[in-house]
C-alpha atoms as a PDB file:
ATOM      1  CA  UNK A   1     -17.220  24.743  22.805  1.00  0.00           C
ATOM      2  CA  UNK A   2     -18.550  21.234  22.158  1.00  0.00           C
ATOM      3  CA  UNK A   3     -15.926  18.513  22.004  1.00  0.00           C
ATOM      4  CA  UNK A   4     -14.979  15.526  19.862  1.00  0.00           C
ATOM      5  CA  UNK A   5     -14.255  12.300  21.749  1.00  0.00           C
ATOM      6  CA  UNK A   6     -11.940   9.617  20.379  1.00  0.00           C
ATOM      7  CA  UNK A   7     -11.626   6.128  21.851  1.00  0.00           C
ATOM      8  CA  UNK A   8      -8.834   3.689  21.074  1.00  0.00           C
ATOM      9  CA  UNK A   9      -5.256   2.655  21.701  1.00  0.00           C
ATOM     10  CA  UNK A  10      -2.241   4.925  21.830  1.00  0.00           C
ATOM     11  CA  UNK A  11       1.005   3.114  21.068  1.00  0.00           C
ATOM     12  CA  UNK A  12       4.724   3.658  20.942  1.00  0.00           C
ATOM     13  CA  UNK A  13       6.005   3.750  17.366  1.00  0.00           C
ATOM     14  CA  UNK A  14       9.638   2.768  16.805  1.00  0.00           C
ATOM     15  CA  UNK A  15      11.273   3.198  13.429  1.00  0.00           C
ATOM     16  CA  UNK A  16      14.782   3.297  11.959  1.00  0.00           C
ATOM     17  CA  UNK A  17      15.927   6.717  10.728  1.00  0.00           C
ATOM     18  CA  UNK A  18      15.040   7.563   7.140  1.00  0.00           C
ATOM     19  CA  UNK A  19      14.496   4.551   4.921  1.00  0.00           C
ATOM     20  CA  UNK A  20      16.724   2.074   6.728  1.00  0.00           C
ATOM     21  CA  UNK A  21      15.465  -1.444   7.327  1.00  0.00           C
ATOM     22  CA  UNK A  22      15.324  -2.629  10.923  1.00  0.00           C
ATOM     23  CA  UNK A  23      18.241  -4.971  10.403  1.00  0.00           C
ATOM     24  CA  UNK A  24      20.417  -2.065   9.227  1.00  0.00           C
ATOM     25  CA  UNK A  25      19.820   0.269  12.148  1.00  0.00           C
ATOM     26  CA  UNK A  26      21.267   0.385  15.654  1.00  0.00           C
ATOM     27  CA  UNK A  27      18.975   3.277  16.659  1.00  0.00           C
ATOM     28  CA  UNK A  28      15.215   3.711  16.630  1.00  0.00           C
ATOM     29  CA  UNK A  29      13.203   6.935  16.525  1.00  0.00           C
ATOM     30  CA  UNK A  30      10.221   6.934  18.875  1.00  0.00           C
ATOM     31  CA  UNK A  31       6.917   8.722  18.954  1.00  0.00           C
ATOM     32  CA  UNK A  32       3.352   8.026  20.131  1.00  0.00           C
ATOM     33  CA  UNK A  33       0.455   7.252  17.865  1.00  0.00           C
ATOM     34  CA  UNK A  34      -2.806   5.407  17.338  1.00  0.00           C
ATOM     35  CA  UNK A  35      -5.707   5.804  14.927  1.00  0.00           C
ATOM     36  CA  UNK A  36      -8.071   7.734  17.179  1.00  0.00           C
ATOM     37  CA  UNK A  37      -5.262   9.628  18.895  1.00  0.00           C
ATOM     38  CA  UNK A  38      -4.083  10.779  15.461  1.00  0.00           C
ATOM     39  CA  UNK A  39      -7.578  12.075  14.724  1.00  0.00           C
ATOM     40  CA  UNK A  40      -7.755  13.948  18.024  1.00  0.00           C
ATOM     41  CA  UNK A  41      -4.375  15.627  17.488  1.00  0.00           C
ATOM     42  CA  UNK A  42      -5.367  16.758  14.000  1.00  0.00           C
ATOM     43  CA  UNK A  43      -8.690  18.166  15.215  1.00  0.00           C
ATOM     44  CA  UNK A  44      -6.959  19.927  18.079  1.00  0.00           C
ATOM     45  CA  UNK A  45      -4.617  21.547  15.545  1.00  0.00           C
ATOM     46  CA  UNK A  46      -7.733  22.685  13.692  1.00  0.00           C
ATOM     47  CA  UNK A  47      -8.957  24.403  16.862  1.00  0.00           C
ATOM     48  CA  UNK A  48     -11.547  21.929  18.127  1.00  0.00           C
ATOM     49  CA  UNK A  49     -11.901  20.755  21.730  1.00  0.00           C
ATOM     50  CA  UNK A  50     -10.909  17.082  21.827  1.00  0.00           C
ATOM     51  CA  UNK A  51     -10.812  14.294  24.388  1.00  0.00           C
ATOM     52  CA  UNK A  52      -8.924  11.029  23.936  1.00  0.00           C
ATOM     53  CA  UNK A  53     -10.139   8.029  25.934  1.00  0.00           C
ATOM     54  CA  UNK A  54      -8.095   4.891  26.519  1.00  0.00           C
ATOM     55  CA  UNK A  55      -6.610   2.659  29.207  1.00  0.00           C
ATOM     56  CA  UNK A  56      -2.902   2.864  30.019  1.00  0.00           C
ATOM     57  CA  UNK A  57      -0.519   1.161  32.405  1.00  0.00           C
ATOM     58  CA  UNK A  58       0.532   3.394  35.293  1.00  0.00           C
ATOM     59  CA  UNK A  59       4.185   3.832  34.317  1.00  0.00           C
ATOM     60  CA  UNK A  60       6.654   6.360  32.926  1.00  0.00           C
ATOM     61  CA  UNK A  61       6.156   5.320  29.299  1.00  0.00           C
ATOM     62  CA  UNK A  62       2.441   6.064  29.565  1.00  0.00           C
ATOM     63  CA  UNK A  63       3.268   9.453  31.071  1.00  0.00           C
ATOM     64  CA  UNK A  64       5.265  10.221  27.916  1.00  0.00           C
ATOM     65  CA  UNK A  65       2.287   9.255  25.742  1.00  0.00           C
ATOM     66  CA  UNK A  66      -0.065  11.456  27.758  1.00  0.00           C
ATOM     67  CA  UNK A  67       2.425  14.334  27.687  1.00  0.00           C
ATOM     68  CA  UNK A  68       2.542  14.062  23.893  1.00  0.00           C
ATOM     69  CA  UNK A  69      -1.247  14.342  23.668  1.00  0.00           C
ATOM     70  CA  UNK A  70      -1.253  17.315  26.024  1.00  0.00           C
ATOM     71  CA  UNK A  71       1.465  18.992  23.960  1.00  0.00           C
ATOM     72  CA  UNK A  72      -0.975  19.161  21.062  1.00  0.00           C
ATOM     73  CA  UNK A  73      -3.930  20.252  23.202  1.00  0.00           C
ATOM     74  CA  UNK A  74      -5.780  16.944  23.410  1.00  0.00           C
ATOM     75  CA  UNK A  75      -7.812  16.320  26.576  1.00  0.00           C
ATOM     76  CA  UNK A  76      -6.738  13.343  28.687  1.00  0.00           C
ATOM     77  CA  UNK A  77      -9.039  13.645  31.690  1.00  0.00           C
ATOM     78  CA  UNK A  78     -10.958  10.420  30.986  1.00  0.00           C
ATOM     79  CA  UNK A  79      -7.974   8.103  30.531  1.00  0.00           C
ATOM     80  CA  UNK A  80      -8.168   5.205  32.965  1.00  0.00           C
ATOM     81  CA  UNK A  81      -5.126   3.383  34.333  1.00  0.00           C
ATOM     82  CA  UNK A  82      -4.352  -0.282  34.880  1.00  0.00           C
ATOM     83  CA  UNK A  83      -2.846  -3.246  33.085  1.00  0.00           C
ATOM     84  CA  UNK A  84       0.773  -4.066  32.380  1.00  0.00           C
ATOM     85  CA  UNK A  85       1.974  -2.600  29.097  1.00  0.00           C
ATOM     86  CA  UNK A  86       1.651  -0.032  26.351  1.00  0.00           C
ATOM     87  CA  UNK A  87       1.251  -1.416  22.850  1.00  0.00           C
ATOM     88  CA  UNK A  88       4.087  -0.872  20.369  1.00  0.00           C
ATOM     89  CA  UNK A  89       4.739  -1.143  16.673  1.00  0.00           C
ATOM     90  CA  UNK A  90       7.844  -1.097  14.501  1.00  0.00           C
ATOM     91  CA  UNK A  91       7.803   0.625  11.121  1.00  0.00           C
ATOM     92  CA  UNK A  92      10.105   0.284   8.157  1.00  0.00           C
ATOM     93  CA  UNK A  93       9.342   3.099   5.730  1.00  0.00           C
ATOM     94  CA  UNK A  94       9.146   1.882   2.162  1.00  0.00           C
ATOM     95  CA  UNK A  95      10.502   3.584  -0.934  1.00  0.00           C
ATOM     96  CA  UNK A  96      10.006   3.085  -4.655  1.00  0.00           C
ATOM     97  CA  UNK A  97       8.846  -0.523  -5.194  1.00  0.00           C
ATOM     98  CA  UNK A  98       9.700  -1.604  -1.625  1.00  0.00           C
ATOM     99  CA  UNK A  99       6.574  -1.295   0.567  1.00  0.00           C
ATOM    100  CA  UNK A 100       6.446   0.032   4.093  1.00  0.00           C
ATOM    101  CA  UNK A 101       6.167  -2.683   6.708  1.00  0.00           C
ATOM    102  CA  UNK A 102       4.496  -2.582  10.128  1.00  0.00           C
ATOM    103  CA  UNK A 103       5.232  -5.144  12.857  1.00  0.00           C
ATOM    104  CA  UNK A 104       2.835  -4.994  15.813  1.00  0.00           C
ATOM    105  CA  UNK A 105       3.761  -5.736  19.406  1.00  0.00           C
ATOM    106  CA  UNK A 106       0.480  -4.932  21.130  1.00  0.00           C
ATOM    107  CA  UNK A 107      -0.837  -8.209  22.534  1.00  0.00           C
ATOM    108  CA  UNK A 108      -1.978  -7.872  26.155  1.00  0.00           C
ATOM    109  CA  UNK A 109      -1.724  -4.081  26.028  1.00  0.00           C
ATOM    110  CA  UNK A 110      -3.630  -2.268  28.761  1.00  0.00           C
ATOM    111  CA  UNK A 111      -6.472  -1.089  26.555  1.00  0.00           C
ATOM    112  CA  UNK A 112      -6.878  -4.482  24.869  1.00  0.00           C
ATOM    113  CA  UNK A 113      -7.528  -5.948  28.323  1.00  0.00           C
ATOM    114  CA  UNK A 114      -9.947  -3.179  29.362  1.00  0.00           C
ATOM    115  CA  UNK A 115     -13.347  -4.001  30.831  1.00  0.00           C
ATOM    116  CA  UNK A 116     -16.717  -2.337  30.230  1.00  0.00           C
ATOM    117  CA  UNK A 117     -16.654  -0.988  33.788  1.00  0.00           C
ATOM    118  CA  UNK A 118     -13.490   1.034  33.050  1.00  0.00           C
ATOM    119  CA  UNK A 119     -15.451   3.723  31.157  1.00  0.00           C
ATOM    120  CA  UNK A 120     -18.381   5.898  32.229  1.00  0.00           C
ATOM    121  CA  UNK A 121     -19.696   6.966  28.843  1.00  0.00           C
ATOM    122  CA  UNK A 122     -22.366   9.280  30.223  1.00  0.00           C
ATOM    123  CA  UNK A 123     -19.655  11.339  31.900  1.00  0.00           C
ATOM    124  CA  UNK A 124     -17.296  11.079  28.937  1.00  0.00           C
ATOM    125  CA  UNK A 125     -19.937  12.360  26.493  1.00  0.00           C
ATOM    126  CA  UNK A 126     -20.936  15.353  28.572  1.00  0.00           C
ATOM    127  CA  UNK A 127     -20.811  18.348  26.174  1.00  0.00           C
ATOM    128  CA  UNK A 128     -19.651  16.068  23.345  1.00  0.00           C
ATOM    129  CA  UNK A 129     -20.792  16.715  19.799  1.00  0.00           C
ATOM    130  CA  UNK A 130     -19.051  13.827  18.043  1.00  0.00           C
ATOM    131  CA  UNK A 131     -17.556  10.423  18.866  1.00  0.00           C
ATOM    132  CA  UNK A 132     -14.922   8.657  16.780  1.00  0.00           C
ATOM    133  CA  UNK A 133     -13.663   5.078  16.943  1.00  0.00           C
ATOM    134  CA  UNK A 134     -12.248   2.609  14.455  1.00  0.00           C
ATOM    135  CA  UNK A 135     -12.314  -1.038  13.526  1.00  0.00           C
ATOM    136  CA  UNK A 136      -8.782  -1.334  14.887  1.00  0.00           C
ATOM    137  CA  UNK A 137     -10.080  -0.784  18.415  1.00  0.00           C
ATOM    138  CA  UNK A 138     -12.801  -3.401  18.056  1.00  0.00           C
ATOM    139  CA  UNK A 139     -10.267  -5.810  16.521  1.00  0.00           C
ATOM    140  CA  UNK A 140      -8.172  -5.830  19.705  1.00  0.00           C
ATOM    141  CA  UNK A 141     -10.707  -8.274  21.088  1.00  0.00           C
ATOM    142  CA  UNK A 142     -11.551  -9.388  24.616  1.00  0.00           C
ATOM    143  CA  UNK A 143     -14.163  -6.907  25.927  1.00  0.00           C
ATOM    144  CA  UNK A 144     -13.449  -4.114  23.447  1.00  0.00           C
ATOM    145  CA  UNK A 145     -16.270  -4.899  20.989  1.00  0.00           C
ATOM    146  CA  UNK A 146     -18.678  -4.627  23.941  1.00  0.00           C
ATOM    147  CA  UNK A 147     -16.991  -1.422  25.135  1.00  0.00           C
ATOM    148  CA  UNK A 148     -17.384   0.059  21.635  1.00  0.00           C
ATOM    149  CA  UNK A 149     -21.043  -0.990  21.619  1.00  0.00           C
ATOM    150  CA  UNK A 150     -21.596   0.662  25.015  1.00  0.00           C
ATOM    151  CA  UNK A 151     -20.024   3.852  23.696  1.00  0.00           C
ATOM    152  CA  UNK A 152     -22.083   3.851  20.497  1.00  0.00           C
ATOM    153  CA  UNK A 153     -25.360   3.221  22.316  1.00  0.00           C
ATOM    154  CA  UNK A 154     -24.684   5.962  24.850  1.00  0.00           C
ATOM    155  CA  UNK A 155     -23.667   8.364  22.103  1.00  0.00           C
ATOM    156  CA  UNK A 156     -26.908   7.763  20.230  1.00  0.00           C
ATOM    157  CA  UNK A 157     -28.942   8.205  23.413  1.00  0.00           C
ATOM    158  CA  UNK A 158     -27.240  11.539  24.058  1.00  0.00           C
ATOM    159  CA  UNK A 159     -27.509  12.817  20.486  1.00  0.00           C
ATOM    160  CA  UNK A 160     -23.763  12.564  19.845  1.00  0.00           C
ATOM    161  CA  UNK A 161     -22.891  11.960  16.181  1.00  0.00           C
ATOM    162  CA  UNK A 162     -20.949   8.705  15.717  1.00  0.00           C
ATOM    163  CA  UNK A 163     -18.021   8.499  13.284  1.00  0.00           C
ATOM    164  CA  UNK A 164     -16.299   5.209  12.503  1.00  0.00           C
ATOM    165  CA  UNK A 165     -13.292   4.372  10.333  1.00  0.00           C
ATOM    166  CA  UNK A 166     -13.520   0.710   9.306  1.00  0.00           C
ATOM    167  CA  UNK A 167      -9.691   0.483   9.291  1.00  0.00           C
ATOM    168  CA  UNK A 168      -9.302  -3.227   8.497  1.00  0.00           C
ATOM    169  CA  UNK A 169      -6.001  -4.765   9.670  1.00  0.00           C
ATOM    170  CA  UNK A 170      -5.378  -8.336   8.491  1.00  0.00           C
ATOM    171  CA  UNK A 171      -2.802  -8.891  11.249  1.00  0.00           C
ATOM    172  CA  UNK A 172      -5.476  -8.281  13.906  1.00  0.00           C
ATOM    173  CA  UNK A 173      -8.430 -10.307  12.624  1.00  0.00           C
ATOM    174  CA  UNK A 174      -9.925 -12.121   9.649  1.00  0.00           C
ATOM    175  CA  UNK A 175     -12.598 -10.701   7.346  1.00  0.00           C
ATOM    176  CA  UNK A 176     -15.091 -13.114   8.898  1.00  0.00           C
ATOM    177  CA  UNK A 177     -14.317 -11.870  12.413  1.00  0.00           C
ATOM    178  CA  UNK A 178     -14.463  -8.262  11.246  1.00  0.00           C
ATOM    179  CA  UNK A 179     -17.858  -8.729   9.585  1.00  0.00           C
ATOM    180  CA  UNK A 180     -19.342 -10.406  12.639  1.00  0.00           C
ATOM    181  CA  UNK A 181     -18.266  -7.618  14.992  1.00  0.00           C
ATOM    182  CA  UNK A 182     -18.465  -4.517  12.840  1.00  0.00           C
ATOM    183  CA  UNK A 183     -21.779  -5.437  11.241  1.00  0.00           C
ATOM    184  CA  UNK A 184     -23.584  -4.756  14.520  1.00  0.00           C
ATOM    185  CA  UNK A 185     -21.549  -1.639  15.370  1.00  0.00           C
ATOM    186  CA  UNK A 186     -22.041   0.022  11.980  1.00  0.00           C
ATOM    187  CA  UNK A 187     -25.785   0.175  12.601  1.00  0.00           C
ATOM    188  CA  UNK A 188     -25.075   2.912  15.179  1.00  0.00           C
ATOM    189  CA  UNK A 189     -22.752   4.905  12.898  1.00  0.00           C
ATOM    190  CA  UNK A 190     -23.763   8.216  11.340  1.00  0.00           C
ATOM    191  CA  UNK A 191     -20.599   8.804   9.284  1.00  0.00           C
ATOM    192  CA  UNK A 192     -18.752   5.713   8.027  1.00  0.00           C
ATOM    193  CA  UNK A 193     -15.229   6.022   6.668  1.00  0.00           C
ATOM    194  CA  UNK A 194     -13.073   3.544   4.772  1.00  0.00           C
ATOM    195  CA  UNK A 195     -10.448   3.043   2.099  1.00  0.00           C
ATOM    196  CA  UNK A 196     -10.430   1.075  -1.157  1.00  0.00           C
ATOM    197  CA  UNK A 197     -10.423  -2.315   0.573  1.00  0.00           C
ATOM    198  CA  UNK A 198     -12.302  -1.819   3.837  1.00  0.00           C
ATOM    199  CA  UNK A 199     -15.873  -2.283   2.592  1.00  0.00           C
ATOM    200  CA  UNK A 200     -15.043  -5.660   1.081  1.00  0.00           C
ATOM    201  CA  UNK A 201     -12.983  -6.944   4.019  1.00  0.00           C
ATOM    202  CA  UNK A 202     -15.231  -5.653   6.812  1.00  0.00           C
ATOM    203  CA  UNK A 203     -18.722  -5.513   5.322  1.00  0.00           C
ATOM    204  CA  UNK A 204     -18.475  -7.991   2.440  1.00  0.00           C
ATOM    205  CA  UNK A 205     -19.381  -5.369  -0.182  1.00  0.00           C
ATOM    206  CA  UNK A 206     -16.920  -5.477  -3.076  1.00  0.00           C
ATOM    207  CA  UNK A 207     -16.308  -2.857  -5.792  1.00  0.00           C
ATOM    208  CA  UNK A 208     -17.076  -4.494  -9.135  1.00  0.00           C
ATOM    209  CA  UNK A 209     -14.160  -3.700 -11.406  1.00  0.00           C
ATOM    210  CA  UNK A 210     -11.468  -1.937  -9.374  1.00  0.00           C
ATOM    211  CA  UNK A 211      -8.061  -3.552  -8.840  1.00  0.00           C
ATOM    212  CA  UNK A 212      -6.278  -2.041  -5.832  1.00  0.00           C
ATOM    213  CA  UNK A 213      -3.044  -4.006  -6.320  1.00  0.00           C
ATOM    214  CA  UNK A 214      -2.982  -3.209 -10.033  1.00  0.00           C
ATOM    215  CA  UNK A 215      -3.587   0.483  -9.367  1.00  0.00           C
ATOM    216  CA  UNK A 216      -6.964   0.700 -11.126  1.00  0.00           C
ATOM    217  CA  UNK A 217      -9.775   2.416  -9.204  1.00  0.00           C
ATOM    218  CA  UNK A 218     -13.166   3.053 -10.750  1.00  0.00           C
ATOM    219  CA  UNK A 219     -14.924   5.784  -8.786  1.00  0.00           C
ATOM    220  CA  UNK A 220     -18.364   4.672  -9.932  1.00  0.00           C
ATOM    221  CA  UNK A 221     -17.684   1.347  -8.187  1.00  0.00           C
ATOM    222  CA  UNK A 222     -17.334   3.159  -4.884  1.00  0.00           C
ATOM    223  CA  UNK A 223     -20.542   5.105  -5.449  1.00  0.00           C
ATOM    224  CA  UNK A 224     -22.260   1.730  -5.738  1.00  0.00           C
ATOM    225  CA  UNK A 225     -20.510   0.382  -2.620  1.00  0.00           C
ATOM    226  CA  UNK A 226     -21.549   3.475  -0.650  1.00  0.00           C
ATOM    227  CA  UNK A 227     -25.140   3.156  -1.875  1.00  0.00           C
ATOM    228  CA  UNK A 228     -25.266  -0.465  -0.723  1.00  0.00           C
ATOM    229  CA  UNK A 229     -23.907   0.486   2.717  1.00  0.00           C
ATOM    230  CA  UNK A 230     -26.468   3.285   2.964  1.00  0.00           C
ATOM    231  CA  UNK A 231     -29.307   0.934   2.090  1.00  0.00           C
ATOM    232  CA  UNK A 232     -28.147  -1.914   4.352  1.00  0.00           C
ATOM    233  CA  UNK A 233     -26.953  -0.062   7.448  1.00  0.00           C
ATOM    234  CA  UNK A 234     -28.590   3.366   7.235  1.00  0.00           C
ATOM    235  CA  UNK A 235     -25.408   5.436   7.679  1.00  0.00           C
ATOM    236  CA  UNK A 236     -26.315   8.950   6.576  1.00  0.00           C
ATOM    237  CA  UNK A 237     -22.826   9.653   5.196  1.00  0.00           C
ATOM    238  CA  UNK A 238     -20.205   7.275   3.763  1.00  0.00           C
ATOM    239  CA  UNK A 239     -16.735   8.406   2.683  1.00  0.00           C
ATOM    240  CA  UNK A 240     -13.831   6.571   1.076  1.00  0.00           C
ATOM    241  CA  UNK A 241     -10.246   7.557   0.453  1.00  0.00           C
ATOM    242  CA  UNK A 242      -9.112   6.439  -3.002  1.00  0.00           C
ATOM    243  CA  UNK A 243      -5.385   5.731  -3.138  1.00  0.00           C
ATOM    244  CA  UNK A 244      -3.829   4.782  -6.469  1.00  0.00           C
ATOM    245  CA  UNK A 245      -0.474   3.383  -5.398  1.00  0.00           C
ATOM    246  CA  UNK A 246       2.049   3.850  -8.186  1.00  0.00           C
ATOM    247  CA  UNK A 247       4.843   2.937  -5.771  1.00  0.00           C
ATOM    248  CA  UNK A 248       5.632   3.335  -2.069  1.00  0.00           C
ATOM    249  CA  UNK A 249       6.954   6.804  -2.883  1.00  0.00           C
ATOM    250  CA  UNK A 250       4.320   8.131  -5.277  1.00  0.00           C
ATOM    251  CA  UNK A 251       0.549   7.853  -4.930  1.00  0.00           C
ATOM    252  CA  UNK A 252      -2.506   9.495  -6.393  1.00  0.00           C
ATOM    253  CA  UNK A 253      -4.963  10.577  -3.695  1.00  0.00           C
ATOM    254  CA  UNK A 254      -8.656  11.390  -3.888  1.00  0.00           C
ATOM    255  CA  UNK A 255     -11.918  10.744  -2.104  1.00  0.00           C
ATOM    256  CA  UNK A 256     -15.611  10.148  -2.563  1.00  0.00           C
ATOM    257  CA  UNK A 257     -18.433  11.081  -0.212  1.00  0.00           C
ATOM    258  CA  UNK A 258     -21.972   9.718  -0.378  1.00  0.00           C
ATOM    259  CA  UNK A 259     -24.421  11.828   1.601  1.00  0.00           C
ATOM    260  CA  UNK A 260     -28.149  11.088   1.827  1.00  0.00           C
ATOM    261  CA  UNK A 261     -28.255   9.436  -1.575  1.00  0.00           C
ATOM    262  CA  UNK A 262     -25.933  11.763  -3.519  1.00  0.00           C
ATOM    263  CA  UNK A 263     -22.272  11.179  -4.422  1.00  0.00           C
ATOM    264  CA  UNK A 264     -19.554  13.837  -4.323  1.00  0.00           C
ATOM    265  CA  UNK A 265     -16.044  13.526  -5.772  1.00  0.00           C
ATOM    266  CA  UNK A 266     -12.838  15.369  -4.881  1.00  0.00           C
ATOM    267  CA  UNK A 267      -9.989  16.403  -7.122  1.00  0.00           C
ATOM    268  CA  UNK A 268      -7.066  13.973  -7.348  1.00  0.00           C
ATOM    269  CA  UNK A 269      -3.675  14.924  -5.940  1.00  0.00           C
ATOM    270  CA  UNK A 270      -0.336  13.491  -7.006  1.00  0.00           C
ATOM    271  CA  UNK A 271       1.751  12.933  -3.853  1.00  0.00           C
ATOM    272  CA  UNK A 272       5.429  12.205  -3.275  1.00  0.00           C
ATOM    273  CA  UNK A 273       5.302  10.579   0.143  1.00  0.00           C
ATOM    274  CA  UNK A 274       7.400  11.422   3.181  1.00  0.00           C
ATOM    275  CA  UNK A 275       5.413   9.268   5.657  1.00  0.00           C
ATOM    276  CA  UNK A 276       2.069   7.709   4.750  1.00  0.00           C
ATOM    277  CA  UNK A 277       1.140   6.230   8.150  1.00  0.00           C
ATOM    278  CA  UNK A 278      -1.791   8.184   9.560  1.00  0.00           C
ATOM    279  CA  UNK A 279      -3.009   9.328   6.148  1.00  0.00           C
ATOM    280  CA  UNK A 280      -6.437   7.788   6.614  1.00  0.00           C
ATOM    281  CA  UNK A 281      -6.728   9.210  10.119  1.00  0.00           C
ATOM    282  CA  UNK A 282      -6.057  12.707   8.806  1.00  0.00           C
ATOM    283  CA  UNK A 283      -8.862  12.182   6.279  1.00  0.00           C
ATOM    284  CA  UNK A 284     -11.193  11.156   9.113  1.00  0.00           C
ATOM    285  CA  UNK A 285     -10.230  14.280  11.065  1.00  0.00           C
ATOM    286  CA  UNK A 286     -10.943  16.472   8.054  1.00  0.00           C
ATOM    287  CA  UNK A 287     -14.384  14.916   7.626  1.00  0.00           C
ATOM    288  CA  UNK A 288     -15.205  15.348  11.301  1.00  0.00           C
ATOM    289  CA  UNK A 289     -14.092  18.971  11.162  1.00  0.00           C
ATOM    290  CA  UNK A 290     -16.309  19.658   8.163  1.00  0.00           C
ATOM    291  CA  UNK A 291     -19.377  17.927   9.594  1.00  0.00           C
ATOM    292  CA  UNK A 292     -19.039  19.517  13.046  1.00  0.00           C
ATOM    293  CA  UNK A 293     -18.730  22.955  11.440  1.00  0.00           C
ATOM    294  CA  UNK A 294     -21.741  22.441   9.171  1.00  0.00           C
ATOM    295  CA  UNK A 295     -19.867  22.437   5.859  1.00  0.00           C
ATOM    296  CA  UNK A 296     -21.736  21.363   2.754  1.00  0.00           C
ATOM    297  CA  UNK A 297     -20.824  17.809   1.635  1.00  0.00           C
ATOM    298  CA  UNK A 298     -18.562  18.889  -1.244  1.00  0.00           C
ATOM    299  CA  UNK A 299     -16.639  21.320   0.953  1.00  0.00           C
ATOM    300  CA  UNK A 300     -16.337  18.675   3.682  1.00  0.00           C
ATOM    301  CA  UNK A 301     -14.868  16.153   1.242  1.00  0.00           C
ATOM    302  CA  UNK A 302     -12.505  18.658  -0.376  1.00  0.00           C
ATOM    303  CA  UNK A 303     -11.228  19.782   3.018  1.00  0.00           C
ATOM    304  CA  UNK A 304     -10.656  16.197   4.191  1.00  0.00           C
ATOM    305  CA  UNK A 305      -8.797  15.149   1.044  1.00  0.00           C
ATOM    306  CA  UNK A 306      -6.595  18.258   1.066  1.00  0.00           C
ATOM    307  CA  UNK A 307      -5.794  17.862   4.774  1.00  0.00           C
ATOM    308  CA  UNK A 308      -4.845  14.217   4.334  1.00  0.00           C
ATOM    309  CA  UNK A 309      -2.794  15.016   1.238  1.00  0.00           C
ATOM    310  CA  UNK A 310      -0.693  17.375   3.352  1.00  0.00           C
ATOM    311  CA  UNK A 311      -0.228  14.760   6.081  1.00  0.00           C
ATOM    312  CA  UNK A 312       1.670  12.519   3.656  1.00  0.00           C
ATOM    313  CA  UNK A 313       4.409  15.168   3.616  1.00  0.00           C
ATOM    314  CA  UNK A 314       4.805  15.164   7.433  1.00  0.00           C
ATOM    315  CA  UNK A 315       7.049  12.770   9.361  1.00  0.00           C
ATOM    316  CA  UNK A 316       5.392  10.420  11.878  1.00  0.00           C
ATOM    317  CA  UNK A 317       1.678   9.730  12.277  1.00  0.00           C
ATOM    318  CA  UNK A 318       0.167  13.061  13.358  1.00  0.00           C
ATOM    319  CA  UNK A 319      -1.160  15.547  10.819  1.00  0.00           C
ATOM    320  CA  UNK A 320       0.215  18.837  12.149  1.00  0.00           C
ATOM    321  CA  UNK A 321      -1.238  20.947   9.345  1.00  0.00           C
ATOM    322  CA  UNK A 322      -3.259  24.020  10.277  1.00  0.00           C
ATOM    323  CA  UNK A 323      -6.505  25.314   8.815  1.00  0.00           C
ATOM    324  CA  UNK A 324      -4.493  27.885   6.872  1.00  0.00           C
ATOM    325  CA  UNK A 325      -2.270  25.158   5.411  1.00  0.00           C
ATOM    326  CA  UNK A 326      -5.316  23.243   4.191  1.00  0.00           C
ATOM    327  CA  UNK A 327      -7.012  26.332   2.814  1.00  0.00           C
ATOM    328  CA  UNK A 328      -3.875  27.303   0.912  1.00  0.00           C
ATOM    329  CA  UNK A 329      -3.856  23.927  -0.819  1.00  0.00           C
ATOM    330  CA  UNK A 330      -7.586  24.132  -1.511  1.00  0.00           C
ATOM    331  CA  UNK A 331      -7.009  27.546  -3.094  1.00  0.00           C
ATOM    332  CA  UNK A 332      -4.484  26.058  -5.512  1.00  0.00           C
ATOM    333  CA  UNK A 333      -1.164  26.627  -3.729  1.00  0.00           C
ATOM    334  CA  UNK A 334       0.322  23.174  -4.087  1.00  0.00           C
ATOM    335  CA  UNK A 335       3.664  24.171  -5.560  1.00  0.00           C
ATOM    336  CA  UNK A 336       5.648  23.594  -2.369  1.00  0.00           C
ATOM    337  CA  UNK A 337       7.555  26.850  -2.859  1.00  0.00           C
ATOM    338  CA  UNK A 338       9.423  28.221   0.146  1.00  0.00           C
ATOM    339  CA  UNK A 339       7.327  30.574   2.275  1.00  0.00           C
ATOM    340  CA  UNK A 340       9.187  33.632   3.541  1.00  0.00           C
END
């Protein structure tokens, strides 16, 4: 079986129980997460062979992170070790009109200090069919933009399809920094993924009339954005999640896919959110699964949107839904009735 390779940072997530604010809680729940790691776990749950690549400090906390990946069937054979610390983040889950809040503690993490020589991409991509990375990884700075470029170039040389989630994070870099770095990387990308804001922040291409904060999304705007990306960068497929945020607790969720000059639209789901972190990563995993399995564009989009809809009802960052779970939702079973 051909494999999907993900490259990025795995972190320790710490969050108060339920909807408590940090200042209210004397305990923190922990788990391990990271954009590309989330994608690999989801794909592994879907039955694909996956490999997660990163750099970790050689300590007990890293062993817990690796054990978590192995628990879900993700390959860890190309993780390299060195550096001083594992990145962390703290999450307060929002509710109603109070937004969720993420506080990063990832400066000087092992992977952010990685060097180009830490990774042998020819070996890593042996038997690989797809490679996934995100703008978050490039945003960590130092040598990582060059490491991502090495990976993309090697992938293209070996015929490995490159997937990239733009994943803009304003706490990691400015739009100007993002455009300078990602503009050159996107030229190697076959399937580009983003949300309502990413194209504007990372590529400088703005939807004309949509208002993300005001909860107004015009799907035709995103067709135009995708067309401009296709014409400028040559990505064969561009996909966006479309989140209409009514509150922190209730969102509408849909997607659009632009493939070789034609736009496809998904149905829109109404979601009551349990945990939204990792929602975009679950969409990326669904797209990768569809493309790797040769689905038609509409089926690929529908699968990705349904899979990511389900993730919003799962605690923590991993989408632990199965193929059957996704298919049930696609077939109209979204009632949430007890299964016995």
